[in-house]
């Protein structure tokens, strides 16, 4: 498990490096019987299914009802601003359509609502509480948060200047399908092995 612990800490430090670290951010990875999670203390801990409270309970609920292998719950500046406003970010960038999805909606800060929104998606904004992104690897969950912050910057900036050009919903879904089925497949297998989550 030490390889996975190292990968968790590396991704947590990347949040800081890419200026995505906000208040009380957490990254976790699914393991047999539960998850490993790291937060502001930078101590990696194991939490078994059915044992968590607070942030742990959110991550465990997501693992229980989705196919996510990794979760990032973070509060980067623009993502937090959009989540406080309760807005939905449409696909304003091609990499958002591919990695995040055709939209990223805001849901109430309720574990059941977050889990429901993440079924068939890998991101959602939480009203007043940043965003959750998931992935098949830690790197994919991190990248999703990075792209979501980039899309949030474009969405907020575009709103101030009169609006954004949004990618057509069908095109956005097609971009995501091609990305998931073709481009990310090999990278996912390589990252799983690197992270010790193969």
Protein backbone atom coordinates (compact mmCIF):
# COMPACT_ATOMS: atom_id res chain seq x y z
CA UNK A 1 0.00 0.00 0.00
CA UNK A 2 2.95 2.37 0.39
CA UNK A 3 3.07 2.93 -3.39
CA UNK A 4 -0.56 4.10 -3.30
CA UNK A 5 0.12 6.24 -0.21
CA UNK A 6 3.01 7.92 -2.04
CA UNK A 7 0.78 8.50 -5.08
CA UNK A 8 -1.90 10.10 -2.86
CA UNK A 9 0.60 12.49 -1.30
CA UNK A 10 2.08 13.31 -4.69
CA UNK A 11 -1.35 14.25 -6.08
CA UNK A 12 -2.19 16.26 -2.96
CA UNK A 13 1.03 18.22 -3.40
CA UNK A 14 0.14 18.76 -7.07
CA UNK A 15 -3.07 20.51 -5.94
CA UNK A 16 -0.84 23.04 -4.20
CA UNK A 17 1.63 23.23 -7.09
CA UNK A 18 -1.17 24.00 -9.58
CA UNK A 19 -2.83 26.50 -7.22
CA UNK A 20 -5.89 24.29 -6.77
CA UNK A 21 -5.57 23.89 -3.02
CA UNK A 22 -8.30 25.57 -1.00
CA UNK A 23 -9.70 25.04 2.47
CA UNK A 24 -10.09 21.47 3.68
CA UNK A 25 -9.29 19.63 0.45
CA UNK A 26 -9.07 15.83 0.32
CA UNK A 27 -7.94 13.13 -2.09
CA UNK A 28 -8.75 9.46 -1.69
CA UNK A 29 -8.26 6.15 -3.49
CA UNK A 30 -10.41 3.03 -3.33
CA UNK A 31 -8.79 -0.03 -1.71
CA UNK A 32 -9.98 -3.47 -0.67
CA UNK A 33 -12.42 -2.96 2.18
CA UNK A 34 -12.37 0.84 2.13
CA UNK A 35 -10.15 3.71 1.07
CA UNK A 36 -6.96 5.62 1.74
CA UNK A 37 -7.54 9.35 2.22
CA UNK A 38 -5.30 12.38 2.73
CA UNK A 39 -6.28 15.91 3.73
CA UNK A 40 -4.78 19.12 5.14
CA UNK A 41 -2.71 17.26 7.76
CA UNK A 42 -1.06 15.35 4.89
CA UNK A 43 -1.40 12.14 6.91
CA UNK A 44 -2.68 9.20 4.87
CA UNK A 45 -5.23 7.10 6.73
CA UNK A 46 -7.24 4.00 5.94
CA UNK A 47 -11.02 4.16 6.46
CA UNK A 48 -13.11 0.97 6.19
CA UNK A 49 -16.54 0.94 4.54
CA UNK A 50 -19.24 1.91 7.03
CA UNK A 51 -16.78 3.60 9.41
CA UNK A 52 -16.45 7.17 8.13
CA UNK A 53 -17.97 10.48 9.21
CA UNK A 54 -17.91 13.91 7.59
CA UNK A 55 -15.53 13.99 4.62
CA UNK A 56 -14.79 10.27 4.95
CA UNK A 57 -18.51 9.47 4.68
CA UNK A 58 -18.80 11.49 1.44
CA UNK A 59 -15.94 9.60 -0.21
CA UNK A 60 -17.16 6.19 1.01
CA UNK A 61 -20.68 6.91 -0.28
CA UNK A 62 -19.27 7.77 -3.71
CA UNK A 63 -17.18 4.58 -3.80
CA UNK A 64 -20.16 2.49 -2.70
CA UNK A 65 -22.42 3.65 -5.55
CA UNK A 66 -20.08 4.52 -8.45
CA UNK A 67 -17.16 2.92 -10.27
CA UNK A 68 -14.75 5.66 -9.18
CA UNK A 69 -11.26 4.52 -8.17
CA UNK A 70 -10.12 7.97 -6.96
CA UNK A 71 -11.77 11.16 -5.67
CA UNK A 72 -10.63 14.77 -5.33
CA UNK A 73 -12.76 17.15 -3.24
CA UNK A 74 -11.19 20.59 -3.62
CA UNK A 75 -11.99 24.29 -3.44
CA UNK A 76 -9.98 26.15 -6.10
CA UNK A 77 -10.94 29.83 -6.43
CA UNK A 78 -13.09 29.92 -9.56
CA UNK A 79 -14.63 26.49 -8.93
CA UNK A 80 -15.67 27.70 -5.47
CA UNK A 81 -17.14 30.91 -6.90
CA UNK A 82 -19.30 28.96 -9.36
CA UNK A 83 -20.36 26.47 -6.66
CA UNK A 84 -21.42 29.34 -4.36
CA UNK A 85 -23.47 30.82 -7.20
CA UNK A 86 -25.14 27.44 -7.75
CA UNK A 87 -24.52 27.59 -11.50
CA UNK A 88 -24.06 24.83 -14.08
CA UNK A 89 -20.92 25.05 -16.20
CA UNK A 90 -21.58 24.05 -19.81
CA UNK A 91 -18.83 22.63 -22.02
CA UNK A 92 -16.98 25.84 -22.85
CA UNK A 93 -13.71 24.06 -23.72
CA UNK A 94 -13.03 20.91 -25.72
CA UNK A 95 -10.98 19.38 -22.90
CA UNK A 96 -13.88 20.02 -20.53
CA UNK A 97 -16.20 18.10 -22.88
CA UNK A 98 -13.69 15.24 -23.04
CA UNK A 99 -12.51 14.97 -19.43
CA UNK A 100 -15.18 16.61 -17.25
CA UNK A 101 -18.23 16.00 -19.43
CA UNK A 102 -20.83 18.03 -21.31
CA UNK A 103 -21.81 19.93 -18.15
CA UNK A 104 -20.89 20.21 -14.49
CA UNK A 105 -23.92 20.91 -12.31
CA UNK A 106 -24.21 22.23 -8.77
CA UNK A 107 -26.03 20.09 -6.21
CA UNK A 108 -26.92 20.64 -2.56
CA UNK A 109 -24.33 19.70 0.06
CA UNK A 110 -25.94 16.33 0.71
CA UNK A 111 -24.03 13.06 0.21
CA UNK A 112 -27.00 11.32 -1.46
CA UNK A 113 -27.44 14.15 -3.97
CA UNK A 114 -23.70 14.23 -4.75
CA UNK A 115 -23.64 10.46 -5.34
CA UNK A 116 -26.73 10.65 -7.55
CA UNK A 117 -25.15 13.42 -9.65
CA UNK A 118 -21.92 11.43 -10.05
CA UNK A 119 -23.65 8.38 -11.52
CA UNK A 120 -22.57 8.36 -15.15
CA UNK A 121 -20.41 11.48 -14.62
CA UNK A 122 -17.12 12.20 -12.96
CA UNK A 123 -17.66 15.66 -11.52
CA UNK A 124 -20.11 17.89 -9.74
CA UNK A 125 -20.08 21.18 -7.92
CA UNK A 126 -21.35 21.18 -4.34
CA UNK A 127 -23.32 24.28 -3.31
CA UNK A 128 -20.86 26.40 -1.32
CA UNK A 129 -18.36 23.54 -0.97
CA UNK A 130 -16.16 23.44 -4.08
CA UNK A 131 -16.30 20.39 -6.33
CA UNK A 132 -15.83 16.65 -6.37
CA UNK A 133 -14.08 14.99 -9.29
CA UNK A 134 -13.59 11.27 -9.74
CA UNK A 135 -11.45 9.13 -11.98
CA UNK A 136 -10.25 5.67 -12.82
CA UNK A 137 -6.87 6.76 -11.43
CA UNK A 138 -5.64 9.45 -9.04
CA UNK A 139 -4.12 11.28 -11.99
CA UNK A 140 -7.43 11.29 -13.87
CA UNK A 141 -9.33 12.67 -10.84
CA UNK A 142 -6.66 15.37 -10.42
CA UNK A 143 -6.72 16.24 -14.14
CA UNK A 144 -10.50 16.52 -14.02
CA UNK A 145 -10.21 19.09 -11.19
CA UNK A 146 -7.54 21.00 -13.11
CA UNK A 147 -9.71 21.15 -16.25
CA UNK A 148 -12.79 22.07 -14.18
CA UNK A 149 -10.91 25.06 -12.72
CA UNK A 150 -9.84 26.09 -16.24
CA UNK A 151 -13.45 25.79 -17.47
CA UNK A 152 -14.67 27.79 -14.45
CA UNK A 153 -12.24 30.60 -15.29
CA UNK A 154 -13.54 30.66 -18.88
CA UNK A 155 -17.18 30.49 -17.76
CA UNK A 156 -16.86 33.31 -15.20
CA UNK A 157 -14.73 35.46 -17.53
CA UNK A 158 -17.08 34.86 -20.44
CA UNK A 159 -20.11 35.73 -18.29
CA UNK A 160 -18.56 39.07 -17.40
CA UNK A 161 -17.84 39.81 -21.06
CA UNK A 162 -21.23 38.83 -22.45
CA UNK A 163 -21.26 35.03 -22.53
CA UNK A 164 -19.29 32.03 -23.75
CA UNK A 165 -19.58 29.96 -26.87
CA UNK A 166 -20.80 26.59 -25.67
CA UNK A 167 -20.02 23.31 -27.43
CA UNK A 168 -23.16 21.66 -28.77
CA UNK A 169 -24.42 18.96 -26.37
CA UNK A 170 -24.25 16.16 -28.94
CA UNK A 171 -20.72 17.14 -29.98
CA UNK A 172 -19.65 17.36 -26.33
CA UNK A 173 -20.98 13.84 -25.62
CA UNK A 174 -19.27 12.50 -28.74
CA UNK A 175 -15.95 14.10 -27.69
CA UNK A 176 -16.27 12.49 -24.26
CA UNK A 177 -17.13 9.08 -25.71
CA UNK A 178 -14.13 9.11 -28.08
CA UNK A 179 -11.81 10.31 -25.28
CA UNK A 180 -13.00 7.63 -22.82
CA UNK A 181 -12.98 4.76 -25.32
CA UNK A 182 -9.86 5.59 -27.30
CA UNK A 183 -7.42 8.16 -25.98
CA UNK A 184 -7.51 7.58 -22.25
CA UNK A 185 -7.58 3.76 -22.22
CA UNK A 186 -3.82 3.11 -22.50
CA UNK A 187 -2.97 6.02 -20.19
CA UNK A 188 -5.37 4.68 -17.55
CA UNK A 189 -3.75 1.24 -17.49
CA UNK A 190 -0.26 2.76 -17.21
CA UNK A 191 -1.33 5.12 -14.39
CA UNK A 192 -3.02 2.31 -12.43
CA UNK A 193 0.25 0.38 -12.45
CA UNK A 194 2.27 3.49 -11.47
CA UNK A 195 -0.06 4.35 -8.60
CA UNK A 196 -0.11 0.82 -7.22
CA UNK A 197 -3.82 0.46 -7.85
CA UNK A 198 -3.64 -2.09 -10.69
